[in-house]
Amino acid sequence: MDGTERTPEWQNRHFVPIFIRREAEEQEKSYYFVGNAVALDDVRASVNPGEDGSESKVVISTLKLDKPVDPELYRHLTGKSAL
């Protein structure tokens, strides 16, 4: 990322859907759509170690959603009240 992700032009051309998986449902491989990212901050490259000793290149960033997560979905995902 070169900083252009913060411009309106980038945001108008890119669609970044965000899906989250509950840890309690990890065996089921279920994901929940929580919204679209409209901003990326603190973008950096990193490496995740695999269980077999291999490494996977990943990008880590802070995302801003286009609108807040529905309070009921937030409660379901986290077990906590949104307020």
Protein backbone atom coordinates (compact mmCIF):
# COMPACT_ATOMS: atom_id res chain seq x y z
CA MET A 1 0.00 0.00 0.00
CA ASP A 2 1.37 3.38 -0.93
CA GLY A 3 -1.09 5.73 0.77
CA THR A 4 -3.50 5.83 -2.15
CA GLU A 5 -5.90 3.63 -0.15
CA ARG A 6 -6.87 6.76 1.78
CA THR A 7 -8.12 8.63 -1.28
CA PRO A 8 -11.77 8.79 -2.40
CA GLU A 9 -10.73 7.41 -5.80
CA TRP A 10 -9.36 4.24 -4.19
CA GLN A 11 -12.39 3.83 -1.97
CA ASN A 12 -14.75 4.23 -4.95
CA ARG A 13 -12.91 1.55 -6.99
CA HIS A 14 -12.26 -1.09 -4.34
CA PHE A 15 -14.73 -3.38 -2.64
CA VAL A 16 -13.32 -4.97 0.51
CA PRO A 17 -15.89 -7.20 2.26
CA ILE A 18 -15.09 -8.24 5.83
CA PHE A 19 -16.05 -11.68 7.13
CA ILE A 20 -15.44 -12.90 10.69
CA ARG A 21 -15.47 -16.42 12.10
CA ARG A 22 -16.50 -17.08 15.69
CA GLU A 23 -13.86 -19.01 17.58
CA ALA A 24 -16.62 -21.17 19.09
CA GLU A 25 -17.67 -22.18 15.55
CA GLU A 26 -14.19 -22.85 14.20
CA GLN A 27 -14.97 -26.52 13.47
CA GLU A 28 -17.99 -25.52 11.36
CA LYS A 29 -16.01 -23.06 9.20
CA SER A 30 -18.87 -20.54 9.46
CA TYR A 31 -18.21 -16.90 8.61
CA TYR A 32 -20.34 -13.80 9.19
CA PHE A 33 -20.36 -10.77 6.91
CA VAL A 34 -19.90 -7.65 9.08
CA GLY A 35 -19.59 -4.97 6.40
CA ASN A 36 -17.25 -3.38 3.91
CA ALA A 37 -13.94 -1.73 4.75
CA VAL A 38 -13.75 1.90 3.69
CA ALA A 39 -10.32 2.73 5.13
CA LEU A 40 -7.08 0.91 5.80
CA ASP A 41 -4.58 2.22 8.34
CA ASP A 42 -1.28 0.95 9.70
CA VAL A 43 -0.76 -1.43 6.74
CA ARG A 44 2.29 -3.70 7.10
CA ALA A 45 3.61 -6.99 5.80
CA SER A 46 4.07 -9.88 8.23
CA VAL A 47 4.54 -13.66 8.29
CA ASN A 48 2.30 -16.26 9.95
CA PRO A 49 3.96 -19.50 11.03
CA GLY A 50 2.14 -22.67 9.98
CA GLU A 51 1.68 -25.73 12.16
CA ASP A 52 4.04 -27.64 9.86
CA GLY A 53 6.82 -25.07 10.22
CA SER A 54 6.02 -23.31 6.94
CA GLU A 55 5.43 -19.56 6.75
CA SER A 56 2.68 -17.61 4.99
CA LYS A 57 3.04 -13.99 3.96
CA VAL A 58 0.16 -11.83 5.21
CA VAL A 59 -0.80 -8.16 5.34
CA ILE A 60 -1.93 -6.71 8.67
CA SER A 61 -3.92 -3.49 8.93
CA THR A 62 -6.54 -1.66 10.92
CA LEU A 63 -9.83 -1.54 9.03
CA LYS A 64 -12.66 0.96 9.28
CA LEU A 65 -16.10 -0.36 8.36
CA ASP A 66 -18.55 1.65 6.25
CA LYS A 67 -21.14 1.37 9.04
CA PRO A 68 -21.23 -0.05 12.59
CA VAL A 69 -21.77 -3.77 13.09
CA ASP A 70 -25.36 -4.61 14.01
CA PRO A 71 -25.53 -4.80 17.86
CA GLU A 72 -27.13 -8.27 17.81
CA LEU A 73 -24.46 -9.63 15.46
CA TYR A 74 -21.75 -8.06 17.63
CA ARG A 75 -23.24 -9.71 20.73
CA HIS A 76 -23.43 -13.06 18.93
CA LEU A 77 -19.83 -12.83 17.72
CA THR A 78 -18.28 -11.58 20.96
CA GLY A 79 -20.70 -12.55 23.72
CA LYS A 80 -20.60 -8.90 24.86
CA SER A 81 -23.03 -6.01 24.60
CA ALA A 82 -22.20 -3.44 21.90
CA LEU A 83 -22.79 -0.60 24.37
